[in-house]
């Protein structure tokens, strides 16, 4: 079954603490069901790491995964299951050998 995924369709970075996000900052092709995230980060200063304050505007759109993405996800899941089975079997053989040493 195909899954609904979120695709980032727009990102805009603003410098400074006091930036107001305005309607005009949004993309023109925004849709009714798009998700709008506004991320604000205060400035931070330390000896090892520092960064300036910023505001980030992100617009996400929920879309159904494509046939290629769906097939890739199924293949990845199958590879993961195969690796998991192999590791379990190797662990089983290790435990079996360990317990066979005792009468």
PDB file of N, CA and C in Angstrom:
ATOM      1  N   UNK A   1       0.843  -1.176   0.000  1.00  0.00           N
ATOM      2  CA  UNK A   1       0.000   0.000   0.000  1.00  0.00           C
ATOM      3  C   UNK A   1       0.889   1.239   0.000  1.00  0.00           C
ATOM      4  N   UNK A   2       0.595   2.159  -0.862  1.00  0.00           N
ATOM      5  CA  UNK A   2       1.393   3.379  -0.950  1.00  0.00           C
ATOM      6  C   UNK A   2       1.153   4.256   0.280  1.00  0.00           C
ATOM      7  N   UNK A   3       2.216   4.942   0.679  1.00  0.00           N
ATOM      8  CA  UNK A   3       2.142   5.807   1.847  1.00  0.00           C
ATOM      9  C   UNK A   3       2.085   7.273   1.428  1.00  0.00           C
ATOM     10  N   UNK A   4       1.573   8.079   2.332  1.00  0.00           N
ATOM     11  CA  UNK A   4       1.570   9.525   2.138  1.00  0.00           C
ATOM     12  C   UNK A   4       2.867  10.053   2.748  1.00  0.00           C
ATOM     13  N   UNK A   5       3.622  10.814   1.976  1.00  0.00           N
ATOM     14  CA  UNK A   5       4.875  11.379   2.455  1.00  0.00           C
ATOM     15  C   UNK A   5       4.805  12.897   2.406  1.00  0.00           C
ATOM     16  N   UNK A   6       5.660  13.528   3.164  1.00  0.00           N
ATOM     17  CA  UNK A   6       5.732  14.992   3.152  1.00  0.00           C
ATOM     18  C   UNK A   6       6.934  15.419   2.322  1.00  0.00           C
ATOM     19  N   UNK A   7       6.697  16.284   1.364  1.00  0.00           N
ATOM     20  CA  UNK A   7       7.752  16.824   0.508  1.00  0.00           C
ATOM     21  C   UNK A   7       7.904  18.306   0.832  1.00  0.00           C
ATOM     22  N   UNK A   8       9.134  18.720   1.002  1.00  0.00           N
ATOM     23  CA  UNK A   8       9.396  20.146   1.218  1.00  0.00           C
ATOM     24  C   UNK A   8       9.316  20.832  -0.136  1.00  0.00           C
ATOM     25  N   UNK A   9       8.407  21.792  -0.248  1.00  0.00           N
ATOM     26  CA  UNK A   9       8.252  22.475  -1.531  1.00  0.00           C
ATOM     27  C   UNK A   9       8.814  23.894  -1.488  1.00  0.00           C
ATOM     28  N   UNK A  10       9.094  24.391  -0.279  1.00  0.00           N
ATOM     29  CA  UNK A  10       9.580  25.771  -0.172  1.00  0.00           C
ATOM     30  C   UNK A  10      10.312  25.948   1.152  1.00  0.00           C
ATOM     31  N   UNK A  11      11.413  26.676   1.124  1.00  0.00           N
ATOM     32  CA  UNK A  11      12.155  27.015   2.341  1.00  0.00           C
ATOM     33  C   UNK A  11      12.757  28.401   2.156  1.00  0.00           C
ATOM     34  N   UNK A  12      12.585  29.241   3.166  1.00  0.00           N
ATOM     35  CA  UNK A  12      13.146  30.586   3.119  1.00  0.00           C
ATOM     36  C   UNK A  12      13.769  30.884   4.480  1.00  0.00           C
ATOM     37  N   UNK A  13      14.969  31.407   4.442  1.00  0.00           N
ATOM     38  CA  UNK A  13      15.745  31.666   5.652  1.00  0.00           C
ATOM     39  C   UNK A  13      15.826  33.186   5.874  1.00  0.00           C
ATOM     40  N   UNK A  14      15.529  33.623   7.101  1.00  0.00           N
ATOM     41  CA  UNK A  14      15.597  35.042   7.454  1.00  0.00           C
ATOM     42  C   UNK A  14      16.582  35.193   8.610  1.00  0.00           C
ATOM     43  N   UNK A  15      17.399  36.218   8.580  1.00  0.00           N
ATOM     44  CA  UNK A  15      18.356  36.467   9.659  1.00  0.00           C
ATOM     45  C   UNK A  15      17.749  37.387  10.698  1.00  0.00           C
ATOM     46  N   UNK A  16      18.108  37.135  11.955  1.00  0.00           N
ATOM     47  CA  UNK A  16      17.687  38.014  13.037  1.00  0.00           C
ATOM     48  C   UNK A  16      16.511  37.479  13.835  1.00  0.00           C
ATOM     49  N   UNK A  17      16.340  38.033  15.051  1.00  0.00           N
ATOM     50  CA  UNK A  17      15.287  37.578  15.969  1.00  0.00           C
ATOM     51  C   UNK A  17      13.907  38.069  15.586  1.00  0.00           C
ATOM     52  N   UNK A  18      13.828  39.280  15.197  1.00  0.00           N
ATOM     53  CA  UNK A  18      12.538  39.962  15.114  1.00  0.00           C
ATOM     54  C   UNK A  18      11.958  39.985  13.705  1.00  0.00           C
ATOM     55  N   UNK A  19      12.224  38.958  12.929  1.00  0.00           N
ATOM     56  CA  UNK A  19      11.675  38.958  11.589  1.00  0.00           C
ATOM     57  C   UNK A  19      10.256  38.417  11.619  1.00  0.00           C
ATOM     58  N   UNK A  20       9.325  39.188  11.105  1.00  0.00           N
ATOM     59  CA  UNK A  20       7.932  38.758  11.008  1.00  0.00           C
ATOM     60  C   UNK A  20       7.721  38.069   9.662  1.00  0.00           C
ATOM     61  N   UNK A  21       7.158  36.907   9.688  1.00  0.00           N
ATOM     62  CA  UNK A  21       6.843  36.198   8.450  1.00  0.00           C
ATOM     63  C   UNK A  21       5.522  36.756   7.939  1.00  0.00           C
ATOM     64  N   UNK A  22       5.527  37.161   6.707  1.00  0.00           N
ATOM     65  CA  UNK A  22       4.345  37.773   6.106  1.00  0.00           C
ATOM     66  C   UNK A  22       3.743  36.841   5.052  1.00  0.00           C
ATOM     67  N   UNK A  23       2.493  37.093   4.735  1.00  0.00           N
ATOM     68  CA  UNK A  23       1.802  36.304   3.727  1.00  0.00           C
ATOM     69  C   UNK A  23       2.551  36.364   2.398  1.00  0.00           C
ATOM     70  N   UNK A  24       3.139  37.489   2.087  1.00  0.00           N
ATOM     71  CA  UNK A  24       3.879  37.644   0.828  1.00  0.00           C
ATOM     72  C   UNK A  24       5.138  36.786   0.781  1.00  0.00           C
ATOM     73  N   UNK A  25       5.595  36.284   1.933  1.00  0.00           N
ATOM     74  CA  UNK A  25       6.761  35.401   1.968  1.00  0.00           C
ATOM     75  C   UNK A  25       6.418  33.981   1.525  1.00  0.00           C
ATOM     76  N   UNK A  26       5.155  33.641   1.507  1.00  0.00           N
ATOM     77  CA  UNK A  26       4.719  32.306   1.100  1.00  0.00           C
ATOM     78  C   UNK A  26       4.804  32.157  -0.416  1.00  0.00           C
ATOM     79  N   UNK A  27       4.994  30.945  -0.914  1.00  0.00           N
ATOM     80  CA  UNK A  27       5.053  30.754  -2.363  1.00  0.00           C
ATOM     81  C   UNK A  27       3.684  31.011  -2.997  1.00  0.00           C
ATOM     82  N   UNK A  28       3.687  31.359  -4.248  1.00  0.00           N
ATOM     83  CA  UNK A  28       2.437  31.691  -4.954  1.00  0.00           C
ATOM     84  C   UNK A  28       1.571  30.452  -5.212  1.00  0.00           C
ATOM     85  N   UNK A  29       2.200  29.288  -5.322  1.00  0.00           N
ATOM     86  CA  UNK A  29       1.444  28.074  -5.651  1.00  0.00           C
ATOM     87  C   UNK A  29       1.047  27.279  -4.413  1.00  0.00           C
ATOM     88  N   UNK A  30       0.951  27.928  -3.274  1.00  0.00           N
ATOM     89  CA  UNK A  30       0.584  27.230  -2.037  1.00  0.00           C
ATOM     90  C   UNK A  30      -0.842  26.688  -2.161  1.00  0.00           C
ATOM     91  N   UNK A  31      -1.045  25.500  -1.582  1.00  0.00           N
ATOM     92  CA  UNK A  31      -2.360  24.867  -1.646  1.00  0.00           C
ATOM     93  C   UNK A  31      -3.010  24.841  -0.276  1.00  0.00           C
ATOM     94  N   UNK A  32      -4.289  24.575  -0.260  1.00  0.00           N
ATOM     95  CA  UNK A  32      -5.086  24.617   0.962  1.00  0.00           C
ATOM     96  C   UNK A  32      -4.583  23.645   2.027  1.00  0.00           C
ATOM     97  N   UNK A  33      -4.091  22.480   1.634  1.00  0.00           N
ATOM     98  CA  UNK A  33      -3.678  21.448   2.590  1.00  0.00           C
ATOM     99  C   UNK A  33      -2.188  21.469   2.914  1.00  0.00           C
ATOM    100  N   UNK A  34      -1.449  22.438   2.408  1.00  0.00           N
ATOM    101  CA  UNK A  34      -0.022  22.516   2.695  1.00  0.00           C
ATOM    102  C   UNK A  34       0.207  22.828   4.164  1.00  0.00           C
ATOM    103  N   UNK A  35       1.323  22.338   4.679  1.00  0.00           N
ATOM    104  CA  UNK A  35       1.692  22.538   6.079  1.00  0.00           C
ATOM    105  C   UNK A  35       2.746  23.641   6.133  1.00  0.00           C
ATOM    106  N   UNK A  36       2.517  24.634   6.981  1.00  0.00           N
ATOM    107  CA  UNK A  36       3.444  25.759   7.113  1.00  0.00           C
ATOM    108  C   UNK A  36       4.112  25.666   8.475  1.00  0.00           C
ATOM    109  N   UNK A  37       5.438  25.599   8.464  1.00  0.00           N
ATOM    110  CA  UNK A  37       6.206  25.567   9.700  1.00  0.00           C
ATOM    111  C   UNK A  37       7.055  26.828   9.781  1.00  0.00           C
ATOM    112  N   UNK A  38       7.033  27.455  10.938  1.00  0.00           N
ATOM    113  CA  UNK A  38       7.881  28.621  11.182  1.00  0.00           C
ATOM    114  C   UNK A  38       8.801  28.257  12.337  1.00  0.00           C
ATOM    115  N   UNK A  39      10.088  28.255  12.057  1.00  0.00           N
ATOM    116  CA  UNK A  39      11.087  27.858  13.041  1.00  0.00           C
ATOM    117  C   UNK A  39      11.867  29.110  13.438  1.00  0.00           C
ATOM    118  N   UNK A  40      11.849  29.413  14.723  1.00  0.00           N
ATOM    119  CA  UNK A  40      12.601  30.561  15.232  1.00  0.00           C
ATOM    120  C   UNK A  40      13.670  30.051  16.186  1.00  0.00           C
ATOM    121  N   UNK A  41      14.873  30.534  15.991  1.00  0.00           N
ATOM    122  CA  UNK A  41      15.984  30.135  16.843  1.00  0.00           C
ATOM    123  C   UNK A  41      16.686  31.401  17.340  1.00  0.00           C
ATOM    124  N   UNK A  42      16.824  31.504  18.658  1.00  0.00           N
ATOM    125  CA  UNK A  42      17.536  32.641  19.244  1.00  0.00           C
ATOM    126  C   UNK A  42      19.029  32.464  19.038  1.00  0.00           C
ATOM    127  N   UNK A  43      19.748  33.561  19.097  1.00  0.00           N
ATOM    128  CA  UNK A  43      21.199  33.480  18.947  1.00  0.00           C
ATOM    129  C   UNK A  43      21.798  32.747  20.141  1.00  0.00           C
ATOM    130  N   UNK A  44      22.948  32.149  19.891  1.00  0.00           N
ATOM    131  CA  UNK A  44      23.612  31.366  20.915  1.00  0.00           C
ATOM    132  C   UNK A  44      25.113  31.614  20.800  1.00  0.00           C
ATOM    133  N   UNK A  45      25.741  31.891  21.909  1.00  0.00           N
ATOM    134  CA  UNK A  45      27.174  32.162  21.918  1.00  0.00           C
ATOM    135  C   UNK A  45      27.843  31.336  23.004  1.00  0.00           C
ATOM    136  N   UNK A  46      28.916  30.666  22.652  1.00  0.00           N
ATOM    137  CA  UNK A  46      29.716  29.941  23.625  1.00  0.00           C
ATOM    138  C   UNK A  46      31.163  29.925  23.133  1.00  0.00           C
ATOM    139  N   UNK A  47      32.044  29.321  23.884  1.00  0.00           N
ATOM    140  CA  UNK A  47      33.450  29.266  23.492  1.00  0.00           C
ATOM    141  C   UNK A  47      33.660  28.404  22.249  1.00  0.00           C
ATOM    142  N   UNK A  48      32.903  27.333  22.138  1.00  0.00           N
ATOM    143  CA  UNK A  48      33.124  26.370  21.056  1.00  0.00           C
ATOM    144  C   UNK A  48      32.162  26.497  19.892  1.00  0.00           C
ATOM    145  N   UNK A  49      30.976  27.018  20.155  1.00  0.00           N
ATOM    146  CA  UNK A  49      29.947  27.012  19.121  1.00  0.00           C
ATOM    147  C   UNK A  49      29.087  28.255  19.270  1.00  0.00           C
ATOM    148  N   UNK A  50      28.835  28.927  18.174  1.00  0.00           N
ATOM    149  CA  UNK A  50      27.993  30.122  18.209  1.00  0.00           C
ATOM    150  C   UNK A  50      27.216  30.216  16.902  1.00  0.00           C
ATOM    151  N   UNK A  51      26.022  30.788  16.989  1.00  0.00           N
ATOM    152  CA  UNK A  51      25.270  31.081  15.779  1.00  0.00           C
ATOM    153  C   UNK A  51      24.331  32.247  16.038  1.00  0.00           C
ATOM    154  N   UNK A  52      23.995  32.930  14.965  1.00  0.00           N
ATOM    155  CA  UNK A  52      23.117  34.088  15.038  1.00  0.00           C
ATOM    156  C   UNK A  52      21.658  33.639  15.054  1.00  0.00           C
ATOM    157  N   UNK A  53      20.809  34.507  15.537  1.00  0.00           N
ATOM    158  CA  UNK A  53      19.371  34.215  15.546  1.00  0.00           C
ATOM    159  C   UNK A  53      18.856  34.168  14.107  1.00  0.00           C
ATOM    160  N   UNK A  54      17.849  33.323  13.893  1.00  0.00           N
ATOM    161  CA  UNK A  54      17.255  33.234  12.566  1.00  0.00           C
ATOM    162  C   UNK A  54      15.820  32.750  12.662  1.00  0.00           C
ATOM    163  N   UNK A  55      15.093  32.987  11.584  1.00  0.00           N
ATOM    164  CA  UNK A  55      13.740  32.477  11.414  1.00  0.00           C
ATOM    165  C   UNK A  55      13.726  31.731  10.091  1.00  0.00           C
ATOM    166  N   UNK A  56      13.063  30.596  10.062  1.00  0.00           N
ATOM    167  CA  UNK A  56      12.997  29.817   8.836  1.00  0.00           C
ATOM    168  C   UNK A  56      11.544  29.477   8.538  1.00  0.00           C
ATOM    169  N   UNK A  57      11.164  29.677   7.309  1.00  0.00           N
ATOM    170  CA  UNK A  57       9.818  29.371   6.845  1.00  0.00           C
ATOM    171  C   UNK A  57       9.907  28.134   5.957  1.00  0.00           C
ATOM    172  N   UNK A  58       9.149  27.095   6.296  1.00  0.00           N
ATOM    173  CA  UNK A  58       9.162  25.849   5.530  1.00  0.00           C
ATOM    174  C   UNK A  58       7.723  25.495   5.177  1.00  0.00           C
ATOM    175  N   UNK A  59       7.501  25.154   3.912  1.00  0.00           N
ATOM    176  CA  UNK A  59       6.182  24.713   3.459  1.00  0.00           C
ATOM    177  C   UNK A  59       6.309  23.265   2.992  1.00  0.00           C
ATOM    178  N   UNK A  60       5.472  22.405   3.578  1.00  0.00           N
ATOM    179  CA  UNK A  60       5.474  20.981   3.253  1.00  0.00           C
ATOM    180  C   UNK A  60       4.159  20.609   2.580  1.00  0.00           C
ATOM    181  N   UNK A  61       4.250  19.658   1.671  1.00  0.00           N
ATOM    182  CA  UNK A  61       3.046  19.183   0.986  1.00  0.00           C
ATOM    183  C   UNK A  61       2.986  17.664   1.135  1.00  0.00           C
ATOM    184  N   UNK A  62       1.809  17.178   1.531  1.00  0.00           N
ATOM    185  CA  UNK A  62       1.612  15.736   1.649  1.00  0.00           C
ATOM    186  C   UNK A  62       1.220  15.186   0.284  1.00  0.00           C
ATOM    187  N   UNK A  63       2.026  14.211  -0.179  1.00  0.00           N
ATOM    188  CA  UNK A  63       1.774  13.589  -1.484  1.00  0.00           C
ATOM    189  C   UNK A  63       1.897  12.081  -1.335  1.00  0.00           C
ATOM    190  N   UNK A  64       1.233  11.361  -2.219  1.00  0.00           N
ATOM    191  CA  UNK A  64       1.353   9.909  -2.233  1.00  0.00           C
ATOM    192  C   UNK A  64       2.670   9.554  -2.907  1.00  0.00           C
ATOM    193  N   UNK A  65       3.372   8.560  -2.356  1.00  0.00           N
ATOM    194  CA  UNK A  65       4.661   8.188  -2.929  1.00  0.00           C
ATOM    195  C   UNK A  65       4.470   7.671  -4.353  1.00  0.00           C
ATOM    196  N   UNK A  66       5.474   7.903  -5.182  1.00  0.00           N
ATOM    197  CA  UNK A  66       5.410   7.474  -6.577  1.00  0.00           C
ATOM    198  C   UNK A  66       5.615   5.964  -6.655  1.00  0.00           C
ATOM    199  N   UNK A  67       5.362   5.399  -7.835  1.00  0.00           N
ATOM    200  CA  UNK A  67       5.560   3.960  -8.041  1.00  0.00           C
ATOM    201  C   UNK A  67       7.012   3.572  -7.780  1.00  0.00           C
ATOM    202  N   UNK A  68       7.960   4.430  -8.210  1.00  0.00           N
ATOM    203  CA  UNK A  68       9.382   4.149  -8.014  1.00  0.00           C
ATOM    204  C   UNK A  68       9.733   4.171  -6.525  1.00  0.00           C
ATOM    205  N   UNK A  69       9.234   5.165  -5.795  1.00  0.00           N
ATOM    206  CA  UNK A  69       9.486   5.264  -4.358  1.00  0.00           C
ATOM    207  C   UNK A  69       8.872   4.070  -3.623  1.00  0.00           C
ATOM    208  N   UNK A  70       7.683   3.679  -4.041  1.00  0.00           N
ATOM    209  CA  UNK A  70       6.998   2.535  -3.432  1.00  0.00           C
ATOM    210  C   UNK A  70       7.817   1.263  -3.629  1.00  0.00           C
ATOM    211  N   UNK A  71       8.273   1.027  -4.864  1.00  0.00           N
ATOM    212  CA  UNK A  71       9.055  -0.171  -5.167  1.00  0.00           C
ATOM    213  C   UNK A  71      10.384  -0.141  -4.419  1.00  0.00           C
ATOM    214  N   UNK A  72      11.008   1.019  -4.348  1.00  0.00           N
ATOM    215  CA  UNK A  72      12.276   1.156  -3.623  1.00  0.00           C
ATOM    216  C   UNK A  72      12.086   0.858  -2.131  1.00  0.00           C
ATOM    217  N   UNK A  73      10.990   1.323  -1.562  1.00  0.00           N
ATOM    218  CA  UNK A  73      10.701   1.066  -0.150  1.00  0.00           C
ATOM    219  C   UNK A  73      10.472  -0.429   0.090  1.00  0.00           C
ATOM    220  N   UNK A  74       9.736  -1.081  -0.802  1.00  0.00           N
ATOM    221  CA  UNK A  74       9.517  -2.525  -0.673  1.00  0.00           C
ATOM    222  C   UNK A  74      10.823  -3.304  -0.776  1.00  0.00           C
ATOM    223  N   UNK A  75      11.684  -2.904  -1.718  1.00  0.00           N
ATOM    224  CA  UNK A  75      12.978  -3.569  -1.879  1.00  0.00           C
ATOM    225  C   UNK A  75      13.853  -3.366  -0.651  1.00  0.00           C
ATOM    226  N   UNK A  76      13.862  -2.170  -0.115  1.00  0.00           N
ATOM    227  CA  UNK A  76      14.648  -1.875   1.082  1.00  0.00           C
ATOM    228  C   UNK A  76      14.140  -2.688   2.270  1.00  0.00           C
ATOM    229  N   UNK A  77      12.833  -2.789   2.420  1.00  0.00           N
ATOM    230  CA  UNK A  77      12.258  -3.605   3.499  1.00  0.00           C
ATOM    231  C   UNK A  77      12.633  -5.077   3.343  1.00  0.00           C
ATOM    232  N   UNK A  78      12.614  -5.577   2.113  1.00  0.00           N
ATOM    233  CA  UNK A  78      12.977  -6.980   1.865  1.00  0.00           C
ATOM    234  C   UNK A  78      14.446  -7.208   2.197  1.00  0.00           C
ATOM    235  N   UNK A  79      15.325  -6.267   1.804  1.00  0.00           N
ATOM    236  CA  UNK A  79      16.752  -6.388   2.133  1.00  0.00           C
ATOM    237  C   UNK A  79      16.962  -6.375   3.646  1.00  0.00           C
ATOM    238  N   UNK A  80      16.251  -5.492   4.327  1.00  0.00           N
ATOM    239  CA  UNK A  80      16.362  -5.401   5.781  1.00  0.00           C
ATOM    240  C   UNK A  80      15.918  -6.710   6.438  1.00  0.00           C
ATOM    241  N   UNK A  81      14.801  -7.254   5.987  1.00  0.00           N
ATOM    242  CA  UNK A  81      14.302  -8.515   6.540  1.00  0.00           C
ATOM    243  C   UNK A  81      15.290  -9.654   6.305  1.00  0.00           C
ATOM    244  N   UNK A  82      15.894  -9.685   5.131  1.00  0.00           N
ATOM    245  CA  UNK A  82      16.859 -10.727   4.811  1.00  0.00           C
ATOM    246  C   UNK A  82      18.097 -10.596   5.708  1.00  0.00           C
ATOM    247  N   UNK A  83      18.600  -9.379   5.890  1.00  0.00           N
ATOM    248  CA  UNK A  83      19.750  -9.159   6.768  1.00  0.00           C
ATOM    249  C   UNK A  83      19.401  -9.528   8.209  1.00  0.00           C
ATOM    250  N   UNK A  84      18.209  -9.168   8.636  1.00  0.00           N
ATOM    251  CA  UNK A  84      17.763  -9.456   9.996  1.00  0.00           C
ATOM    252  C   UNK A  84      17.691 -10.968  10.229  1.00  0.00           C
ATOM    253  N   UNK A  85      17.140 -11.681   9.260  1.00  0.00           N
ATOM    254  CA  UNK A  85      17.064 -13.140   9.358  1.00  0.00           C
ATOM    255  C   UNK A  85      18.448 -13.763   9.431  1.00  0.00           C
ATOM    256  N   UNK A  86      19.369 -13.271   8.622  1.00  0.00           N
ATOM    257  CA  UNK A  86      20.733 -13.785   8.599  1.00  0.00           C
ATOM    258  C   UNK A  86      21.410 -13.564   9.956  1.00  0.00           C
ATOM    259  N   UNK A  87      21.253 -12.381  10.526  1.00  0.00           N
ATOM    260  CA  UNK A  87      21.850 -12.082  11.830  1.00  0.00           C
ATOM    261  C   UNK A  87      21.250 -12.962  12.930  1.00  0.00           C
ATOM    262  N   UNK A  88      19.939 -13.163  12.868  1.00  0.00           N
ATOM    263  CA  UNK A  88      19.289 -14.034  13.857  1.00  0.00           C
ATOM    264  C   UNK A  88      19.810 -15.460  13.748  1.00  0.00           C
ATOM    265  N   UNK A  89      19.977 -15.937  12.522  1.00  0.00           N
ATOM    266  CA  UNK A  89      20.468 -17.308  12.314  1.00  0.00           C
ATOM    267  C   UNK A  89      21.902 -17.445  12.827  1.00  0.00           C
ATOM    268  N   UNK A  90      22.757 -16.450  12.529  1.00  0.00           N
ATOM    269  CA  UNK A  90      24.137 -16.470  13.014  1.00  0.00           C
ATOM    270  C   UNK A  90      24.160 -16.466  14.539  1.00  0.00           C
ATOM    271  N   UNK A  91      23.307 -15.680  15.146  1.00  0.00           N
ATOM    272  CA  UNK A  91      23.231 -15.633  16.605  1.00  0.00           C
ATOM    273  C   UNK A  91      22.738 -16.972  17.165  1.00  0.00           C
ATOM    274  N   UNK A  92      21.768 -17.576  16.490  1.00  0.00           N
ATOM    275  CA  UNK A  92      21.258 -18.891  16.887  1.00  0.00           C
ATOM    276  C   UNK A  92      22.370 -19.931  16.849  1.00  0.00           C
ATOM    277  N   UNK A  93      23.160 -19.938  15.765  1.00  0.00           N
ATOM    278  CA  UNK A  93      24.251 -20.906  15.650  1.00  0.00           C
ATOM    279  C   UNK A  93      25.298 -20.687  16.740  1.00  0.00           C
ATOM    280  N   UNK A  94      25.576 -19.451  17.056  1.00  0.00           N
ATOM    281  CA  UNK A  94      26.535 -19.129  18.112  1.00  0.00           C
ATOM    282  C   UNK A  94      26.034 -19.649  19.461  1.00  0.00           C
ATOM    283  N   UNK A  95      24.756 -19.390  19.762  1.00  0.00           N
ATOM    284  CA  UNK A  95      24.183 -19.876  21.022  1.00  0.00           C
ATOM    285  C   UNK A  95      24.132 -21.391  21.055  1.00  0.00           C
ATOM    286  N   UNK A  96      23.776 -22.001  19.949  1.00  0.00           N
ATOM    287  CA  UNK A  96      23.687 -23.461  19.863  1.00  0.00           C
ATOM    288  C   UNK A  96      25.048 -24.074  20.162  1.00  0.00           C
ATOM    289  N   UNK A  97      26.102 -23.534  19.545  1.00  0.00           N
ATOM    290  CA  UNK A  97      27.453 -24.037  19.776  1.00  0.00           C
ATOM    291  C   UNK A  97      27.860 -23.856  21.229  1.00  0.00           C
ATOM    292  N   UNK A  98      27.480 -22.739  21.802  1.00  0.00           N
ATOM    293  CA  UNK A  98      27.823 -22.465  23.198  1.00  0.00           C
ATOM    294  C   UNK A  98      27.141 -23.448  24.143  1.00  0.00           C
ATOM    295  N   UNK A  99      25.883 -23.758  23.913  1.00  0.00           N
ATOM    296  CA  UNK A  99      25.134 -24.645  24.799  1.00  0.00           C
ATOM    297  C   UNK A  99      25.438 -26.119  24.564  1.00  0.00           C
ATOM    298  N   UNK A 100      25.931 -26.462  23.373  1.00  0.00           N
ATOM    299  CA  UNK A 100      26.289 -27.841  23.108  1.00  0.00           C
ATOM    300  C   UNK A 100      27.552 -28.243  23.866  1.00  0.00           C
ATOM    301  N   UNK A 101      28.305 -27.273  24.352  1.00  0.00           N
ATOM    302  CA  UNK A 101      29.513 -27.571  25.105  1.00  0.00           C
ATOM    303  C   UNK A 101      29.190 -28.165  26.472  1.00  0.00           C
ATOM    304  N   UNK A 102      28.011 -27.849  27.008  1.00  0.00           N
ATOM    305  CA  UNK A 102      27.616 -28.336  28.323  1.00  0.00           C
ATOM    306  C   UNK A 102      26.829 -29.636  28.191  1.00  0.00           C
ATOM    307  N   UNK A 103      27.101 -30.623  29.102  1.00  0.00           N
ATOM    308  CA  UNK A 103      26.365 -31.902  29.023  1.00  0.00           C
ATOM    309  C   UNK A 103      24.932 -31.790  29.459  1.00  0.00           C
TER     310      UNK A 103
END
